[in-house]
N, C-alpha and C. Protein backbone atom coordinates (compact mmCIF):
# COMPACT_ATOMS: atom_id res chain seq x y z
N UNK A 1 26.41 -10.89 24.01
CA UNK A 1 26.08 -9.48 24.19
C UNK A 1 26.91 -8.90 25.33
N UNK A 2 27.61 -7.76 25.06
CA UNK A 2 28.46 -7.17 26.08
C UNK A 2 27.62 -6.50 27.16
N UNK A 3 28.29 -6.23 28.30
CA UNK A 3 27.61 -5.60 29.42
C UNK A 3 27.07 -4.23 29.03
N UNK A 4 27.85 -3.47 28.22
CA UNK A 4 27.44 -2.13 27.81
C UNK A 4 26.19 -2.19 26.94
N UNK A 5 26.17 -3.14 25.99
CA UNK A 5 25.00 -3.28 25.11
C UNK A 5 23.78 -3.69 25.91
N UNK A 6 23.97 -4.59 26.88
CA UNK A 6 22.86 -5.02 27.73
C UNK A 6 22.28 -3.84 28.49
N UNK A 7 23.16 -2.93 28.95
CA UNK A 7 22.69 -1.77 29.69
C UNK A 7 21.87 -0.84 28.79
N UNK A 8 22.35 -0.66 27.53
CA UNK A 8 21.64 0.20 26.59
C UNK A 8 20.27 -0.38 26.27
N UNK A 9 20.23 -1.69 25.98
CA UNK A 9 18.97 -2.35 25.66
C UNK A 9 18.00 -2.27 26.84
N UNK A 10 18.53 -2.49 28.04
CA UNK A 10 17.69 -2.41 29.23
C UNK A 10 17.14 -1.02 29.44
N UNK A 11 17.97 0.00 29.17
CA UNK A 11 17.53 1.38 29.33
C UNK A 11 16.41 1.71 28.34
N UNK A 12 16.58 1.26 27.08
CA UNK A 12 15.55 1.52 26.08
C UNK A 12 14.25 0.82 26.44
N UNK A 13 14.34 -0.38 27.00
CA UNK A 13 13.14 -1.11 27.41
C UNK A 13 12.40 -0.37 28.51
N UNK A 14 13.17 0.30 29.39
CA UNK A 14 12.55 1.07 30.46
C UNK A 14 11.94 2.37 29.94
N UNK A 15 12.57 2.95 28.90
CA UNK A 15 12.12 4.22 28.37
C UNK A 15 10.80 4.10 27.61
N UNK A 16 10.60 2.99 26.86
CA UNK A 16 9.42 2.86 26.00
C UNK A 16 8.09 3.04 26.74
N UNK A 17 7.88 2.40 27.92
CA UNK A 17 6.62 2.64 28.63
C UNK A 17 6.46 4.10 29.02
N UNK A 18 7.57 4.77 29.35
CA UNK A 18 7.52 6.19 29.71
C UNK A 18 7.08 7.02 28.51
N UNK A 19 7.63 6.69 27.32
CA UNK A 19 7.25 7.38 26.10
C UNK A 19 5.77 7.19 25.82
N UNK A 20 5.29 5.96 25.99
CA UNK A 20 3.86 5.67 25.77
C UNK A 20 2.98 6.48 26.71
N UNK A 21 3.39 6.59 27.98
CA UNK A 21 2.63 7.37 28.95
C UNK A 21 2.65 8.85 28.58
N UNK A 22 3.80 9.33 28.10
CA UNK A 22 3.92 10.73 27.70
C UNK A 22 3.01 11.03 26.52
N UNK A 23 2.96 10.10 25.53
CA UNK A 23 2.08 10.27 24.39
C UNK A 23 0.62 10.30 24.82
N UNK A 24 0.26 9.43 25.76
CA UNK A 24 -1.11 9.40 26.25
C UNK A 24 -1.47 10.73 26.90
N UNK A 25 -0.54 11.29 27.67
CA UNK A 25 -0.79 12.58 28.32
C UNK A 25 -0.96 13.69 27.29
N UNK A 26 -0.15 13.65 26.23
CA UNK A 26 -0.25 14.67 25.18
C UNK A 26 -1.57 14.55 24.43
N UNK A 27 -2.02 13.33 24.20
CA UNK A 27 -3.30 13.13 23.52
C UNK A 27 -4.44 13.69 24.35
N UNK A 28 -4.36 13.48 25.66
CA UNK A 28 -5.39 14.04 26.55
C UNK A 28 -5.37 15.57 26.51
N UNK A 29 -4.16 16.14 26.40
CA UNK A 29 -4.04 17.59 26.29
C UNK A 29 -4.67 18.08 24.99
N UNK A 30 -4.47 17.34 23.91
CA UNK A 30 -5.06 17.69 22.63
C UNK A 30 -6.59 17.63 22.69
N UNK A 31 -7.12 16.66 23.43
CA UNK A 31 -8.57 16.56 23.58
C UNK A 31 -9.12 17.77 24.32
N UNK A 32 -8.39 18.23 25.31
CA UNK A 32 -8.80 19.44 26.04
C UNK A 32 -8.73 20.66 25.12
N UNK A 33 -7.69 20.71 24.29
CA UNK A 33 -7.53 21.79 23.32
C UNK A 33 -8.72 21.84 22.37
N UNK A 34 -9.21 20.68 21.94
CA UNK A 34 -10.33 20.61 21.02
C UNK A 34 -11.59 21.18 21.65
N UNK A 35 -11.81 20.92 22.93
CA UNK A 35 -13.01 21.40 23.61
C UNK A 35 -13.04 22.91 23.75
N UNK A 36 -11.88 23.56 23.67
CA UNK A 36 -11.80 25.01 23.88
C UNK A 36 -11.69 25.80 22.58
N UNK A 37 -11.82 25.14 21.44
CA UNK A 37 -11.58 25.80 20.16
C UNK A 37 -12.47 27.02 19.92
N UNK A 38 -13.76 26.92 20.23
CA UNK A 38 -14.71 27.98 19.90
C UNK A 38 -14.47 29.27 20.67
N UNK A 39 -13.86 29.17 21.84
CA UNK A 39 -13.65 30.37 22.67
C UNK A 39 -12.19 30.79 22.70
N UNK A 40 -11.35 30.10 21.97
CA UNK A 40 -9.92 30.38 21.99
C UNK A 40 -9.59 31.59 21.13
N UNK A 41 -8.73 32.52 21.61
CA UNK A 41 -8.29 33.65 20.80
C UNK A 41 -7.62 33.16 19.51
N UNK A 42 -7.77 33.93 18.44
CA UNK A 42 -7.27 33.51 17.13
C UNK A 42 -5.78 33.21 17.13
N UNK A 43 -4.98 34.10 17.79
CA UNK A 43 -3.53 33.89 17.76
C UNK A 43 -3.15 32.58 18.45
N UNK A 44 -3.87 32.24 19.54
CA UNK A 44 -3.62 30.98 20.23
C UNK A 44 -4.10 29.79 19.39
N UNK A 45 -5.20 30.01 18.66
CA UNK A 45 -5.73 28.96 17.80
C UNK A 45 -4.72 28.63 16.69
N UNK A 46 -4.13 29.69 16.10
CA UNK A 46 -3.14 29.49 15.04
C UNK A 46 -1.91 28.77 15.58
N UNK A 47 -1.41 29.23 16.72
CA UNK A 47 -0.23 28.60 17.32
C UNK A 47 -0.52 27.16 17.68
N UNK A 48 -1.71 26.91 18.21
CA UNK A 48 -2.09 25.56 18.59
C UNK A 48 -2.20 24.65 17.39
N UNK A 49 -2.76 25.18 16.29
CA UNK A 49 -2.90 24.36 15.07
C UNK A 49 -1.53 23.95 14.54
N UNK A 50 -0.59 24.89 14.51
CA UNK A 50 0.74 24.58 14.00
C UNK A 50 1.44 23.53 14.86
N UNK A 51 1.24 23.60 16.17
CA UNK A 51 1.84 22.61 17.05
C UNK A 51 1.19 21.25 16.86
N UNK A 52 -0.15 21.25 16.74
CA UNK A 52 -0.86 19.99 16.53
C UNK A 52 -0.45 19.36 15.20
N UNK A 53 -0.31 20.20 14.17
CA UNK A 53 0.10 19.72 12.85
C UNK A 53 1.48 19.06 12.93
N UNK A 54 2.40 19.71 13.64
CA UNK A 54 3.74 19.15 13.79
C UNK A 54 3.70 17.86 14.60
N UNK A 55 2.86 17.85 15.65
CA UNK A 55 2.73 16.66 16.49
C UNK A 55 2.15 15.50 15.69
N UNK A 56 1.17 15.82 14.83
CA UNK A 56 0.54 14.78 14.01
C UNK A 56 1.56 14.14 13.07
N UNK A 57 2.43 14.96 12.47
CA UNK A 57 3.46 14.44 11.57
C UNK A 57 4.43 13.54 12.32
N UNK A 58 4.88 14.01 13.49
CA UNK A 58 5.84 13.23 14.27
C UNK A 58 5.21 11.94 14.78
N UNK A 59 3.94 12.03 15.18
CA UNK A 59 3.25 10.85 15.69
C UNK A 59 3.11 9.80 14.60
N UNK A 60 2.80 10.24 13.36
CA UNK A 60 2.68 9.30 12.24
C UNK A 60 4.04 8.64 11.95
N UNK A 61 5.11 9.43 12.01
CA UNK A 61 6.44 8.87 11.77
C UNK A 61 6.78 7.83 12.83
N UNK A 62 6.43 8.12 14.09
CA UNK A 62 6.68 7.17 15.17
C UNK A 62 5.85 5.91 14.98
N UNK A 63 4.58 6.09 14.63
CA UNK A 63 3.70 4.94 14.41
C UNK A 63 4.24 4.05 13.30
N UNK A 64 4.69 4.67 12.19
CA UNK A 64 5.22 3.90 11.07
C UNK A 64 6.48 3.13 11.47
N UNK A 65 7.33 3.78 12.29
CA UNK A 65 8.57 3.13 12.73
C UNK A 65 8.27 1.94 13.64
N UNK A 66 7.31 2.12 14.55
CA UNK A 66 6.93 1.02 15.46
C UNK A 66 6.31 -0.11 14.66
N UNK A 67 5.44 0.23 13.70
CA UNK A 67 4.80 -0.79 12.88
C UNK A 67 5.84 -1.60 12.10
N UNK A 68 6.82 -0.90 11.52
CA UNK A 68 7.86 -1.59 10.77
C UNK A 68 8.63 -2.56 11.67
N UNK A 69 8.88 -2.17 12.91
CA UNK A 69 9.59 -3.04 13.84
C UNK A 69 8.77 -4.28 14.16
N UNK A 70 7.45 -4.13 14.12
CA UNK A 70 6.57 -5.24 14.47
C UNK A 70 6.33 -6.19 13.29
N UNK A 71 6.17 -5.65 12.07
CA UNK A 71 5.70 -6.49 10.96
C UNK A 71 6.71 -6.67 9.83
N UNK A 72 7.94 -6.18 9.99
CA UNK A 72 8.94 -6.39 8.94
C UNK A 72 9.03 -7.87 8.60
N UNK A 73 8.93 -8.23 7.30
CA UNK A 73 8.89 -9.65 6.90
C UNK A 73 10.10 -10.47 7.37
N UNK A 74 11.25 -9.82 7.55
CA UNK A 74 12.46 -10.56 7.90
C UNK A 74 12.75 -10.55 9.40
N UNK A 75 12.44 -9.43 10.07
CA UNK A 75 12.82 -9.35 11.48
C UNK A 75 11.70 -8.84 12.38
N UNK A 76 10.49 -8.76 11.84
CA UNK A 76 9.36 -8.24 12.62
C UNK A 76 9.09 -9.08 13.87
N UNK A 77 8.74 -8.39 14.96
CA UNK A 77 8.52 -9.08 16.23
C UNK A 77 7.39 -10.10 16.16
N UNK A 78 6.41 -9.87 15.28
CA UNK A 78 5.30 -10.83 15.20
C UNK A 78 5.74 -12.14 14.56
N UNK A 79 6.95 -12.16 14.01
CA UNK A 79 7.48 -13.39 13.42
C UNK A 79 8.59 -14.02 14.27
N UNK A 80 9.38 -13.20 14.94
CA UNK A 80 10.58 -13.73 15.60
C UNK A 80 10.48 -13.78 17.12
N UNK A 81 9.54 -13.04 17.70
CA UNK A 81 9.46 -13.05 19.16
C UNK A 81 8.97 -14.40 19.67
N UNK A 82 9.62 -14.92 20.68
CA UNK A 82 9.31 -16.27 21.18
C UNK A 82 7.96 -16.34 21.89
N UNK A 83 7.38 -15.18 22.24
CA UNK A 83 6.10 -15.19 22.95
C UNK A 83 4.90 -15.07 22.01
N UNK A 84 5.14 -14.91 20.70
CA UNK A 84 4.03 -14.72 19.78
C UNK A 84 3.17 -15.97 19.70
N UNK A 85 1.85 -15.76 19.62
CA UNK A 85 0.90 -16.86 19.44
C UNK A 85 0.25 -16.72 18.06
N UNK A 86 0.06 -17.85 17.38
CA UNK A 86 -0.54 -17.87 16.05
C UNK A 86 -1.78 -18.75 16.07
N UNK A 87 -2.92 -18.22 15.57
CA UNK A 87 -4.13 -19.05 15.56
C UNK A 87 -4.28 -19.77 14.22
N UNK A 88 -5.38 -20.49 14.06
CA UNK A 88 -5.57 -21.34 12.89
C UNK A 88 -5.73 -20.53 11.60
N UNK A 89 -6.05 -19.25 11.71
CA UNK A 89 -6.21 -18.40 10.52
C UNK A 89 -4.93 -17.65 10.18
N UNK A 90 -3.89 -17.84 10.97
CA UNK A 90 -2.63 -17.17 10.70
C UNK A 90 -2.50 -15.82 11.39
N UNK A 91 -3.51 -15.43 12.16
CA UNK A 91 -3.41 -14.19 12.93
C UNK A 91 -2.39 -14.37 14.05
N UNK A 92 -1.69 -13.30 14.39
CA UNK A 92 -0.64 -13.38 15.39
C UNK A 92 -0.94 -12.46 16.56
N UNK A 93 -0.57 -12.91 17.77
CA UNK A 93 -0.88 -12.17 19.00
C UNK A 93 0.39 -11.96 19.81
N UNK A 94 0.54 -10.72 20.31
CA UNK A 94 1.63 -10.39 21.22
C UNK A 94 1.07 -9.63 22.41
N UNK A 95 1.55 -9.95 23.60
CA UNK A 95 1.06 -9.30 24.81
C UNK A 95 1.94 -8.10 25.15
N UNK A 96 1.30 -6.98 25.49
CA UNK A 96 2.03 -5.78 25.88
C UNK A 96 2.37 -5.81 27.36
N UNK A 97 3.29 -4.95 27.76
CA UNK A 97 3.72 -4.91 29.16
C UNK A 97 2.61 -4.43 30.09
N UNK A 98 1.58 -3.76 29.53
CA UNK A 98 0.47 -3.26 30.34
C UNK A 98 -0.69 -4.25 30.41
N UNK A 99 -0.52 -5.44 29.79
CA UNK A 99 -1.57 -6.45 29.83
C UNK A 99 -2.51 -6.40 28.65
N UNK A 100 -2.36 -5.39 27.80
CA UNK A 100 -3.18 -5.32 26.58
C UNK A 100 -2.51 -6.12 25.48
N UNK A 101 -3.34 -6.80 24.68
CA UNK A 101 -2.81 -7.70 23.66
C UNK A 101 -2.94 -7.10 22.27
N UNK A 102 -1.89 -7.26 21.46
CA UNK A 102 -1.88 -6.79 20.08
C UNK A 102 -2.29 -7.92 19.15
N UNK A 103 -3.18 -7.62 18.22
CA UNK A 103 -3.59 -8.58 17.19
C UNK A 103 -3.01 -8.12 15.86
N UNK A 104 -2.22 -8.99 15.23
CA UNK A 104 -1.72 -8.75 13.87
C UNK A 104 -2.57 -9.62 12.95
N UNK A 105 -3.58 -9.00 12.34
CA UNK A 105 -4.56 -9.74 11.54
C UNK A 105 -4.00 -10.02 10.15
N UNK A 106 -3.91 -11.29 9.80
CA UNK A 106 -3.33 -11.68 8.50
C UNK A 106 -4.33 -11.41 7.37
N UNK A 107 -3.84 -10.75 6.34
CA UNK A 107 -4.65 -10.46 5.17
C UNK A 107 -3.90 -10.93 3.92
N UNK A 108 -4.55 -11.73 3.11
CA UNK A 108 -3.93 -12.31 1.93
C UNK A 108 -4.62 -11.78 0.68
N UNK A 109 -3.85 -11.29 -0.27
CA UNK A 109 -4.40 -10.82 -1.55
C UNK A 109 -3.54 -11.36 -2.69
N UNK A 110 -4.11 -11.35 -3.88
CA UNK A 110 -3.40 -11.82 -5.07
C UNK A 110 -3.02 -10.63 -5.94
N UNK A 111 -1.77 -10.59 -6.36
CA UNK A 111 -1.27 -9.50 -7.18
C UNK A 111 -0.83 -10.06 -8.53
N UNK A 112 -1.33 -9.47 -9.59
CA UNK A 112 -0.98 -9.95 -10.93
C UNK A 112 0.51 -9.78 -11.19
N UNK A 113 1.16 -10.86 -11.54
CA UNK A 113 2.57 -10.83 -11.94
C UNK A 113 2.59 -10.75 -13.46
N UNK A 114 2.91 -9.58 -13.99
CA UNK A 114 2.80 -9.34 -15.43
C UNK A 114 3.67 -10.30 -16.24
N UNK A 115 4.90 -10.53 -15.78
CA UNK A 115 5.80 -11.41 -16.53
C UNK A 115 5.26 -12.84 -16.59
N UNK A 116 4.78 -13.34 -15.44
CA UNK A 116 4.22 -14.69 -15.43
C UNK A 116 2.96 -14.77 -16.29
N UNK A 117 2.12 -13.72 -16.20
CA UNK A 117 0.88 -13.72 -16.97
C UNK A 117 1.17 -13.72 -18.47
N UNK A 118 2.13 -12.90 -18.89
CA UNK A 118 2.48 -12.86 -20.31
C UNK A 118 2.99 -14.22 -20.78
N UNK A 119 3.77 -14.87 -19.94
CA UNK A 119 4.31 -16.19 -20.31
C UNK A 119 3.20 -17.20 -20.53
N UNK A 120 2.23 -17.23 -19.60
CA UNK A 120 1.12 -18.18 -19.72
C UNK A 120 0.26 -17.86 -20.93
N UNK A 121 -0.07 -16.57 -21.10
CA UNK A 121 -0.95 -16.17 -22.19
C UNK A 121 -0.29 -16.40 -23.56
N UNK A 122 1.01 -16.14 -23.65
CA UNK A 122 1.72 -16.38 -24.92
C UNK A 122 1.70 -17.86 -25.27
N UNK A 123 1.85 -18.72 -24.26
CA UNK A 123 1.88 -20.15 -24.52
C UNK A 123 0.56 -20.66 -25.08
N UNK A 124 -0.52 -19.89 -24.86
CA UNK A 124 -1.84 -20.28 -25.35
C UNK A 124 -2.33 -19.36 -26.45
N UNK A 125 -1.43 -18.51 -26.96
CA UNK A 125 -1.78 -17.56 -28.03
C UNK A 125 -2.97 -16.67 -27.65
N UNK A 126 -2.98 -16.25 -26.39
CA UNK A 126 -4.10 -15.43 -25.90
C UNK A 126 -3.64 -14.07 -25.38
N UNK A 127 -2.38 -13.71 -25.63
CA UNK A 127 -1.86 -12.47 -25.05
C UNK A 127 -2.64 -11.25 -25.52
N UNK A 128 -2.85 -11.13 -26.83
CA UNK A 128 -3.57 -9.96 -27.35
C UNK A 128 -5.01 -9.92 -26.85
N UNK A 129 -5.61 -11.09 -26.66
CA UNK A 129 -6.99 -11.13 -26.19
C UNK A 129 -7.13 -10.65 -24.75
N UNK A 130 -6.02 -10.66 -23.98
CA UNK A 130 -6.06 -10.26 -22.58
C UNK A 130 -5.47 -8.87 -22.34
N UNK A 131 -5.12 -8.19 -23.43
CA UNK A 131 -4.47 -6.89 -23.30
C UNK A 131 -5.39 -5.74 -23.66
N UNK A 132 -5.13 -4.59 -23.04
CA UNK A 132 -5.71 -3.32 -23.46
C UNK A 132 -4.64 -2.55 -24.20
N UNK A 133 -5.03 -1.76 -25.17
CA UNK A 133 -4.10 -0.86 -25.83
C UNK A 133 -4.25 0.53 -25.23
N UNK A 134 -3.14 1.14 -24.86
CA UNK A 134 -3.15 2.44 -24.19
C UNK A 134 -2.44 3.45 -25.08
N UNK A 135 -3.14 4.51 -25.41
CA UNK A 135 -2.58 5.54 -26.27
C UNK A 135 -1.86 6.58 -25.42
N UNK A 136 -0.60 6.83 -25.73
CA UNK A 136 0.16 7.87 -25.04
C UNK A 136 0.66 8.89 -26.06
N UNK A 137 0.82 10.12 -25.59
CA UNK A 137 1.27 11.20 -26.47
C UNK A 137 2.58 11.75 -25.91
N UNK A 138 3.73 11.31 -26.42
CA UNK A 138 5.02 11.77 -25.91
C UNK A 138 5.22 13.27 -26.08
N UNK A 139 4.71 13.84 -27.17
CA UNK A 139 4.88 15.27 -27.43
C UNK A 139 3.52 15.86 -27.76
N UNK A 140 2.88 16.49 -26.79
CA UNK A 140 1.51 16.97 -26.97
C UNK A 140 1.41 18.10 -28.00
N UNK A 141 2.40 19.00 -28.03
CA UNK A 141 2.35 20.10 -28.99
C UNK A 141 2.38 19.58 -30.42
N UNK A 142 3.26 18.66 -30.69
CA UNK A 142 3.35 18.08 -32.02
C UNK A 142 2.08 17.31 -32.36
N UNK A 143 1.52 16.64 -31.36
CA UNK A 143 0.28 15.88 -31.58
C UNK A 143 -0.86 16.81 -31.98
N UNK A 144 -0.96 17.97 -31.31
CA UNK A 144 -2.02 18.92 -31.66
C UNK A 144 -1.84 19.43 -33.10
N UNK A 145 -0.58 19.67 -33.48
CA UNK A 145 -0.32 20.11 -34.86
C UNK A 145 -0.80 19.07 -35.86
N UNK A 146 -0.49 17.80 -35.56
CA UNK A 146 -0.90 16.72 -36.45
C UNK A 146 -2.42 16.62 -36.52
N UNK A 147 -3.08 16.74 -35.37
CA UNK A 147 -4.54 16.64 -35.35
C UNK A 147 -5.18 17.77 -36.15
N UNK A 148 -4.60 18.96 -36.06
CA UNK A 148 -5.12 20.06 -36.87
C UNK A 148 -4.99 19.75 -38.36
N UNK A 149 -3.84 19.14 -38.71
CA UNK A 149 -3.66 18.75 -40.11
C UNK A 149 -4.69 17.72 -40.53
N UNK A 150 -4.99 16.79 -39.61
CA UNK A 150 -5.97 15.75 -39.91
C UNK A 150 -7.34 16.36 -40.20
N UNK A 151 -7.73 17.34 -39.40
CA UNK A 151 -9.01 17.99 -39.60
C UNK A 151 -9.08 18.68 -40.96
N UNK A 152 -7.95 19.22 -41.37
CA UNK A 152 -7.92 19.92 -42.65
C UNK A 152 -8.03 18.98 -43.85
N UNK A 153 -7.52 17.76 -43.67
CA UNK A 153 -7.50 16.85 -44.82
C UNK A 153 -8.60 15.81 -44.78
N UNK A 154 -9.48 15.89 -43.76
CA UNK A 154 -10.56 14.91 -43.67
C UNK A 154 -11.43 14.91 -44.92
N UNK A 155 -11.58 16.06 -45.52
CA UNK A 155 -12.44 16.16 -46.72
C UNK A 155 -11.62 16.00 -47.98
N UNK A 156 -10.32 15.77 -47.81
CA UNK A 156 -9.45 15.63 -48.97
C UNK A 156 -8.96 14.20 -49.11
N UNK A 157 -8.17 13.98 -50.08
CA UNK A 157 -7.60 12.66 -50.34
C UNK A 157 -6.57 12.33 -49.27
N UNK A 158 -6.51 11.06 -48.81
CA UNK A 158 -5.57 10.66 -47.77
C UNK A 158 -4.12 10.88 -48.17
N UNK A 159 -3.28 11.17 -47.18
CA UNK A 159 -1.86 11.42 -47.41
C UNK A 159 -1.01 10.45 -46.60
N UNK A 160 -0.09 9.76 -47.25
CA UNK A 160 0.77 8.80 -46.59
C UNK A 160 1.72 9.47 -45.60
N UNK A 161 2.19 10.68 -45.96
CA UNK A 161 3.10 11.38 -45.06
C UNK A 161 2.44 11.71 -43.73
N UNK A 162 1.13 12.00 -43.79
CA UNK A 162 0.40 12.29 -42.57
C UNK A 162 0.22 11.03 -41.73
N UNK A 163 -0.02 9.92 -42.41
CA UNK A 163 -0.13 8.65 -41.70
C UNK A 163 1.18 8.32 -40.99
N UNK A 164 2.29 8.60 -41.68
CA UNK A 164 3.60 8.37 -41.08
C UNK A 164 3.80 9.25 -39.84
N UNK A 165 3.35 10.50 -39.91
CA UNK A 165 3.48 11.40 -38.77
C UNK A 165 2.65 10.92 -37.58
N UNK A 166 1.47 10.39 -37.88
CA UNK A 166 0.63 9.86 -36.80
C UNK A 166 1.35 8.73 -36.07
N UNK A 167 2.04 7.89 -36.83
CA UNK A 167 2.79 6.80 -36.22
C UNK A 167 3.92 7.32 -35.35
N UNK A 168 4.46 8.49 -35.69
CA UNK A 168 5.58 9.04 -34.94
C UNK A 168 5.14 9.69 -33.63
N UNK A 169 4.00 10.39 -33.65
CA UNK A 169 3.62 11.19 -32.48
C UNK A 169 2.74 10.42 -31.49
N UNK A 170 2.14 9.32 -31.91
CA UNK A 170 1.32 8.54 -31.00
C UNK A 170 1.98 7.19 -30.73
N UNK A 171 2.11 6.85 -29.46
CA UNK A 171 2.71 5.56 -29.08
C UNK A 171 1.63 4.69 -28.44
N UNK A 172 1.51 3.47 -28.92
CA UNK A 172 0.52 2.54 -28.37
C UNK A 172 1.22 1.59 -27.40
N UNK A 173 0.75 1.58 -26.15
CA UNK A 173 1.25 0.65 -25.15
C UNK A 173 0.21 -0.43 -24.90
N UNK A 174 0.67 -1.57 -24.43
CA UNK A 174 -0.26 -2.66 -24.11
C UNK A 174 -0.18 -2.97 -22.62
N UNK A 175 -1.31 -3.35 -22.06
CA UNK A 175 -1.39 -3.66 -20.63
C UNK A 175 -2.39 -4.79 -20.43
N UNK A 176 -1.99 -5.79 -19.65
CA UNK A 176 -2.89 -6.91 -19.39
C UNK A 176 -4.06 -6.47 -18.51
N UNK A 177 -5.25 -6.83 -18.93
CA UNK A 177 -6.47 -6.45 -18.22
C UNK A 177 -7.01 -7.67 -17.46
N UNK A 178 -7.00 -7.65 -16.11
CA UNK A 178 -7.49 -8.79 -15.34
C UNK A 178 -8.93 -9.19 -15.69
N UNK A 179 -9.77 -8.22 -16.07
CA UNK A 179 -11.15 -8.55 -16.43
C UNK A 179 -11.20 -9.37 -17.72
N UNK A 180 -10.27 -9.10 -18.62
CA UNK A 180 -10.22 -9.88 -19.85
C UNK A 180 -9.74 -11.30 -19.57
N UNK A 181 -8.87 -11.44 -18.57
CA UNK A 181 -8.46 -12.78 -18.15
C UNK A 181 -9.67 -13.54 -17.62
N UNK A 182 -10.50 -12.86 -16.82
CA UNK A 182 -11.72 -13.49 -16.30
C UNK A 182 -12.64 -13.91 -17.45
N UNK A 183 -12.72 -13.06 -18.48
CA UNK A 183 -13.56 -13.39 -19.63
C UNK A 183 -13.05 -14.62 -20.36
N UNK A 184 -11.72 -14.73 -20.47
CA UNK A 184 -11.14 -15.90 -21.13
C UNK A 184 -11.41 -17.18 -20.34
N UNK A 185 -11.45 -17.06 -19.01
CA UNK A 185 -11.81 -18.22 -18.18
C UNK A 185 -13.26 -18.60 -18.42
N UNK A 186 -14.13 -17.57 -18.50
CA UNK A 186 -15.56 -17.84 -18.74
C UNK A 186 -15.77 -18.50 -20.10
N UNK A 187 -14.92 -18.16 -21.05
CA UNK A 187 -15.01 -18.75 -22.39
C UNK A 187 -14.29 -20.10 -22.47
N UNK A 188 -13.75 -20.53 -21.32
CA UNK A 188 -13.03 -21.81 -21.20
C UNK A 188 -11.77 -21.87 -22.07
N UNK A 189 -11.21 -20.70 -22.36
CA UNK A 189 -9.94 -20.66 -23.08
C UNK A 189 -8.76 -20.68 -22.10
N UNK A 190 -9.04 -20.34 -20.85
CA UNK A 190 -8.09 -20.46 -19.76
C UNK A 190 -8.78 -21.20 -18.62
N UNK A 191 -8.01 -21.93 -17.81
CA UNK A 191 -8.60 -22.55 -16.63
C UNK A 191 -7.99 -21.93 -15.38
N UNK A 192 -8.50 -22.31 -14.23
CA UNK A 192 -8.07 -21.69 -12.97
C UNK A 192 -6.60 -21.98 -12.67
N UNK A 193 -6.10 -23.11 -13.16
CA UNK A 193 -4.68 -23.42 -12.94
C UNK A 193 -3.79 -22.44 -13.71
N UNK A 194 -4.24 -22.08 -14.92
CA UNK A 194 -3.51 -21.08 -15.70
C UNK A 194 -3.47 -19.74 -14.97
N UNK A 195 -4.63 -19.35 -14.45
CA UNK A 195 -4.74 -18.06 -13.77
C UNK A 195 -3.88 -18.05 -12.50
N UNK A 196 -3.87 -19.16 -11.79
CA UNK A 196 -3.08 -19.23 -10.55
C UNK A 196 -1.60 -18.98 -10.81
N UNK A 197 -1.12 -19.36 -11.98
CA UNK A 197 0.28 -19.15 -12.33
C UNK A 197 0.60 -17.68 -12.58
N UNK A 198 -0.44 -16.88 -12.81
CA UNK A 198 -0.23 -15.47 -13.17
C UNK A 198 -0.16 -14.55 -11.95
N UNK A 199 -0.55 -15.05 -10.80
CA UNK A 199 -0.66 -14.18 -9.63
C UNK A 199 0.31 -14.59 -8.53
N UNK A 200 0.82 -13.58 -7.83
CA UNK A 200 1.63 -13.80 -6.64
C UNK A 200 0.78 -13.52 -5.41
N UNK A 201 1.02 -14.28 -4.37
CA UNK A 201 0.28 -14.07 -3.12
C UNK A 201 0.97 -12.98 -2.30
N UNK A 202 0.19 -12.02 -1.85
CA UNK A 202 0.71 -10.93 -1.03
C UNK A 202 0.08 -11.02 0.36
N UNK A 203 0.92 -11.09 1.38
CA UNK A 203 0.43 -11.21 2.76
C UNK A 203 0.80 -9.94 3.51
N UNK A 204 -0.20 -9.31 4.12
CA UNK A 204 0.03 -8.14 4.98
C UNK A 204 -0.65 -8.38 6.32
N UNK A 205 -0.30 -7.55 7.30
CA UNK A 205 -0.88 -7.68 8.64
C UNK A 205 -1.42 -6.33 9.10
N UNK A 206 -2.68 -6.34 9.51
CA UNK A 206 -3.30 -5.14 10.07
C UNK A 206 -3.19 -5.21 11.59
N UNK A 207 -2.60 -4.19 12.20
CA UNK A 207 -2.39 -4.19 13.64
C UNK A 207 -3.55 -3.51 14.36
N UNK A 208 -4.09 -4.19 15.36
CA UNK A 208 -5.19 -3.64 16.14
C UNK A 208 -5.16 -4.26 17.53
N UNK A 209 -5.98 -3.73 18.42
CA UNK A 209 -6.06 -4.30 19.76
C UNK A 209 -6.86 -5.60 19.73
N UNK A 210 -6.37 -6.61 20.40
CA UNK A 210 -7.06 -7.90 20.43
C UNK A 210 -8.16 -7.88 21.49
N UNK A 211 -9.30 -8.48 21.15
CA UNK A 211 -10.41 -8.59 22.11
C UNK A 211 -10.80 -10.04 22.35
N UNK A 212 -9.88 -10.95 22.01
CA UNK A 212 -10.18 -12.38 22.18
C UNK A 212 -10.24 -12.73 23.65
N UNK A 213 -11.03 -13.72 23.98
CA UNK A 213 -11.14 -14.21 25.34
C UNK A 213 -10.05 -15.23 25.59
N UNK A 214 -9.18 -14.95 26.53
CA UNK A 214 -8.08 -15.85 26.85
C UNK A 214 -8.50 -16.82 27.93
N UNK A 215 -8.02 -18.06 27.81
CA UNK A 215 -8.32 -19.08 28.80
C UNK A 215 -7.53 -18.81 30.08
N UNK A 216 -8.20 -18.96 31.20
CA UNK A 216 -7.55 -18.76 32.49
C UNK A 216 -7.27 -20.10 33.14
N UNK A 217 -6.00 -20.40 33.38
CA UNK A 217 -5.62 -21.68 33.99
C UNK A 217 -5.87 -21.68 35.50
């Protein structure tokens, strides 16, 4: 790392606590603003709302940027920083410069992988049993015309041309239904090993302040 880059990094490290203090001061100002709402002149109330709205948007953007820096799967600080602590549940802890500790709470969920699920279900001839059929109407105006025709011929003899039109204007899609997969397991047509192959594990981290008791040496 060059001397110039070191200076820039050092400057940014010094600026961040100042930014945090500035944000804290602004939040306190907003709290004062809230207490005065009922007696505030309308024009000031409008101006204040627009400023708060803009501040809220910018604050959310900053929060999202900081969060991404902390939890990015490839370069997030909770993964690469040498000071991070990990407990037996996979939760991660980082200490702030002010002595407050950040908790990155590990959350694991299962997400259906459609391609894997179709592969498993096809191998057991159970794909149709695990699917829902979804009706879509690509052209609603044409569909209404067809439906009107159907109403007119309900009391008449069936028409093949009308059946053909129905096939043209209505498209049937299929979608795997996780509840039907559960039903197939209950019927012992699938086992838990089959189901495990259909899902991908998704790991996310919820960031919050840590309240754990630290050991004092």
